[in-house]
Amino acid sequence: MDKLTAKQKRVLDFIKESIRNNMPPTIREIAEKLGFSSTGTVRDYLEVLQKKGYLKRSENKSRAIELIGPVSKGIPILASITAGNPDLAYEDIQGYLNPDDLFLGRLSQNDVFALKVKGNSMIEAGINDGDIAVIKKQPVARDGDIIAALLENSEATLKIFRQRNKSVYLDPANKDYQPIHKEFSVIGKLITIVRKYI
């Protein structure tokens, strides 16, 4: 596929976002959203994007824009993770996050996953029940990192990684909870929390 200019990419990104929300945009909607004064300008962009191999469209229908190639739905929210006492973790995709909203820098979508927080053992770190924890996949951590840890019997929890005197443990950020001194493996490091208010 040919490279895109910044404006072509803006048009394509808006189309991708609309399709992620299950509704391809009309030409008028693209013009309004991106501030184009005429629908003719949008048609020109769509023609270029079609020639460059990014989409195909039907002239006779208002929402007949189809992307070519794989369309990512976003970062999968795999399951819930306890920020309380450890609980069973299992993969149960509960939705998707748009990676463009997270400013992840050089991280690929394949490097991250998301978990819905259950419980209040991390409230002093600003992590509340119902938040979405975005986790960078990695098998190691440094002292003080907030990590997703997998305990025995596939139990998972979100805690602070602590290293003291050649031993490691999981520390809560709530004085009502006790540190966890069990065998565990690091499955990733917290990179951001997403909280929705609606």
Protein backbone atom coordinates (compact mmCIF):
# COMPACT_ATOMS: atom_id res chain seq x y z
CA MET A 1 0.00 0.00 0.00
CA ASP A 2 1.19 3.52 -0.80
CA LYS A 3 2.03 5.90 2.04
CA LEU A 4 -0.56 8.43 3.13
CA THR A 5 -0.30 12.16 3.68
CA ALA A 6 -1.31 13.47 7.12
CA LYS A 7 -4.74 14.58 5.80
CA GLN A 8 -5.36 11.27 4.05
CA LYS A 9 -4.51 9.47 7.28
CA ARG A 10 -6.97 11.67 9.22
CA VAL A 11 -9.75 10.70 6.81
CA LEU A 12 -8.81 7.01 6.99
CA ASP A 13 -8.57 7.09 10.81
CA PHE A 14 -12.06 8.60 11.08
CA ILE A 15 -13.45 5.92 8.77
CA LYS A 16 -11.75 3.20 10.87
CA GLU A 17 -13.17 4.67 14.08
CA SER A 18 -16.67 4.76 12.61
CA ILE A 19 -16.41 1.17 11.39
CA ARG A 20 -15.16 0.06 14.83
CA ASN A 21 -18.42 1.51 16.13
CA ASN A 22 -20.26 -0.64 13.55
CA MET A 23 -21.33 2.18 11.22
CA PRO A 24 -19.34 3.33 8.16
CA PRO A 25 -19.60 7.13 7.83
CA THR A 26 -21.42 8.98 5.07
CA ILE A 27 -19.52 11.47 2.91
CA ARG A 28 -21.38 14.30 4.67
CA GLU A 29 -20.40 12.98 8.12
CA ILE A 30 -16.73 12.85 7.08
CA ALA A 31 -16.94 16.44 5.80
CA GLU A 32 -18.56 17.68 9.02
CA LYS A 33 -16.23 15.80 11.36
CA LEU A 34 -13.02 16.83 9.58
CA GLY A 35 -14.08 20.38 8.69
CA PHE A 36 -14.18 20.06 4.89
CA SER A 37 -16.27 22.76 3.23
CA SER A 38 -17.60 20.46 0.49
CA THR A 39 -18.45 16.81 0.02
CA GLY A 40 -16.52 16.94 -3.26
CA THR A 41 -13.28 17.24 -1.27
CA VAL A 42 -14.23 14.12 0.69
CA ARG A 43 -14.95 12.24 -2.55
CA ASP A 44 -11.47 13.19 -3.77
CA TYR A 45 -9.90 11.78 -0.60
CA LEU A 46 -11.94 8.58 -0.86
CA GLU A 47 -10.86 8.14 -4.46
CA VAL A 48 -7.19 8.50 -3.50
CA LEU A 49 -7.58 6.07 -0.57
CA GLN A 50 -9.26 3.62 -2.92
CA LYS A 51 -6.47 3.95 -5.50
CA LYS A 52 -3.85 3.44 -2.79
CA GLY A 53 -5.57 0.22 -1.73
CA TYR A 54 -6.93 1.19 1.69
CA LEU A 55 -10.65 0.93 0.99
CA LYS A 56 -13.30 0.17 -1.57
CA ARG A 57 -16.70 1.77 -1.96
CA SER A 58 -19.90 1.68 -3.92
CA GLU A 59 -20.99 4.95 -5.51
CA ASN A 60 -24.70 4.16 -5.18
CA LYS A 61 -24.97 3.75 -1.40
CA SER A 62 -24.46 6.32 1.35
CA ARG A 63 -22.55 4.10 3.81
CA ALA A 64 -20.80 1.80 1.35
CA ILE A 65 -17.20 2.28 2.50
CA GLU A 66 -15.33 -0.94 3.21
CA LEU A 67 -11.78 -1.15 4.52
CA ILE A 68 -9.33 -3.47 2.82
CA GLY A 69 -7.13 -5.69 4.96
CA PRO A 70 -7.44 -6.58 8.63
CA VAL A 71 -9.31 -4.09 10.79
CA SER A 72 -8.33 -4.18 14.43
CA LYS A 73 -11.18 -3.73 16.87
CA GLY A 74 -8.77 -2.34 19.44
CA ILE A 75 -7.09 -3.61 22.59
CA PRO A 76 -9.12 -6.51 23.97
CA ILE A 77 -10.40 -6.30 27.53
CA LEU A 78 -9.64 -9.94 28.32
CA ALA A 79 -11.24 -10.43 31.70
CA SER A 80 -11.55 -9.02 35.18
CA ILE A 81 -8.58 -8.88 37.55
CA THR A 82 -8.89 -8.55 41.28
CA ALA A 83 -7.53 -5.60 43.14
CA GLY A 84 -8.64 -7.31 46.31
CA ASN A 85 -8.10 -10.89 47.30
CA PRO A 86 -6.85 -13.00 44.38
CA ASP A 87 -9.50 -14.57 42.23
CA LEU A 88 -9.69 -16.88 39.24
CA ALA A 89 -8.69 -15.13 36.02
CA TYR A 90 -9.87 -16.40 32.69
CA GLU A 91 -10.06 -14.97 29.21
CA ASP A 92 -13.53 -13.61 28.57
CA ILE A 93 -13.34 -10.67 26.17
CA GLN A 94 -15.61 -7.95 27.55
CA GLY A 95 -15.06 -5.24 24.94
CA TYR A 96 -12.30 -3.25 23.28
CA LEU A 97 -10.35 -0.04 23.89
CA ASN A 98 -9.36 2.20 21.01
CA PRO A 99 -5.53 2.29 21.12
CA ASP A 100 -5.50 5.73 19.47
CA ASP A 101 -7.01 7.16 22.68
CA LEU A 102 -4.24 5.85 24.92
CA PHE A 103 -1.12 7.57 23.53
CA LEU A 104 0.89 4.35 23.83
CA GLY A 105 3.83 5.69 21.85
CA ARG A 106 5.88 2.98 20.20
CA LEU A 107 3.93 0.11 21.71
CA SER A 108 2.09 -2.09 19.26
CA GLN A 109 -1.45 -3.19 19.96
CA ASN A 110 -0.06 -6.72 20.20
CA ASP A 111 2.13 -5.67 23.16
CA VAL A 112 -0.79 -4.77 25.42
CA PHE A 113 -4.04 -6.09 26.83
CA ALA A 114 -6.63 -4.75 29.24
CA LEU A 115 -8.30 -6.08 32.37
CA LYS A 116 -11.29 -4.80 34.31
CA VAL A 117 -10.43 -4.12 37.95
CA LYS A 118 -12.51 -5.79 40.68
CA GLY A 119 -12.05 -4.76 44.31
CA ASN A 120 -10.38 -1.92 46.21
CA SER A 121 -6.97 -3.17 47.34
CA MET A 122 -5.25 -0.59 45.07
CA ILE A 123 -7.29 2.50 45.92
CA GLU A 124 -4.34 4.34 47.49
CA ALA A 125 -2.62 4.06 44.10
CA GLY A 126 -5.68 5.67 42.49
CA ILE A 127 -7.01 2.40 41.06
CA ASN A 128 -10.71 1.84 41.72
CA ASP A 129 -13.20 -0.97 41.29
CA GLY A 130 -14.49 -0.89 37.70
CA ASP A 131 -11.41 0.81 36.19
CA ILE A 132 -9.79 -0.67 33.10
CA ALA A 133 -6.11 -1.53 33.63
CA VAL A 134 -4.04 -1.43 30.43
CA ILE A 135 -1.16 -3.88 30.82
CA LYS A 136 2.07 -4.14 28.83
CA LYS A 137 2.94 -7.79 28.33
CA GLN A 138 6.24 -8.60 30.04
CA PRO A 139 7.55 -11.40 32.25
CA VAL A 140 9.71 -9.25 34.56
CA ALA A 141 9.22 -6.29 36.90
CA ARG A 142 11.21 -3.87 39.05
CA ASP A 143 10.62 -3.01 42.66
CA GLY A 144 7.66 -0.62 42.88
CA ASP A 145 6.07 -1.54 39.53
CA ILE A 146 2.33 -2.15 39.55
CA ILE A 147 1.88 -5.50 37.85
CA ALA A 148 -0.66 -8.09 36.82
CA ALA A 149 0.52 -11.26 38.57
CA LEU A 150 -0.58 -14.82 38.02
CA LEU A 151 -0.69 -16.88 41.19
CA GLU A 152 -1.01 -20.63 41.65
CA ASN A 153 -4.18 -22.20 40.22
CA SER A 154 -4.44 -19.44 37.59
CA GLU A 155 -5.48 -16.78 40.09
CA ALA A 156 -4.61 -13.26 38.95
CA THR A 157 -4.28 -10.02 40.84
CA LEU A 158 -3.13 -6.42 40.35
CA LYS A 159 -0.55 -5.41 42.97
CA ILE A 160 2.74 -3.60 43.57
CA PHE A 161 5.83 -5.74 42.93
CA ARG A 162 8.15 -5.64 45.96
CA GLN A 163 11.64 -7.04 46.29
CA ARG A 164 13.27 -7.29 49.74
CA ASN A 165 16.26 -9.34 50.89
CA LYS A 166 16.22 -11.72 47.92
CA SER A 167 12.50 -12.39 48.27
CA VAL A 168 9.61 -10.96 46.28
CA TYR A 169 5.99 -10.39 47.20
CA LEU A 170 2.87 -8.53 46.09
CA ASP A 171 1.91 -5.43 48.03
CA PRO A 172 -1.58 -3.87 48.06
CA ALA A 173 -2.15 -0.12 48.08
CA ASN A 174 -4.74 -0.27 50.84
CA LYS A 175 -3.92 -0.62 54.54
CA ASP A 176 -6.85 -3.01 55.02
CA TYR A 177 -5.14 -5.70 52.91
CA GLN A 178 -2.11 -7.86 53.63
CA PRO A 179 0.86 -8.43 51.27
CA ILE A 180 0.77 -11.69 49.32
CA HIS A 181 3.72 -14.02 49.93
CA LYS A 182 2.99 -16.80 47.41
CA GLU A 183 4.61 -18.09 44.26
CA PHE A 184 3.59 -15.94 41.29
CA SER A 185 4.64 -15.00 37.79
CA VAL A 186 4.57 -11.54 36.24
CA ILE A 187 2.27 -11.38 33.23
CA GLY A 188 2.59 -7.65 32.62
CA LYS A 189 3.15 -4.14 33.92
CA LEU A 190 0.44 -1.52 34.36
CA ILE A 191 0.92 1.35 31.93
CA THR A 192 -2.33 3.27 32.32
CA ILE A 193 -5.77 3.23 33.91
CA VAL A 194 -8.91 4.08 31.95
CA ARG A 195 -11.92 5.28 33.92
CA LYS A 196 -15.27 5.95 32.33
CA TYR A 197 -17.83 8.25 33.93
CA ILE A 198 -20.78 7.46 31.69
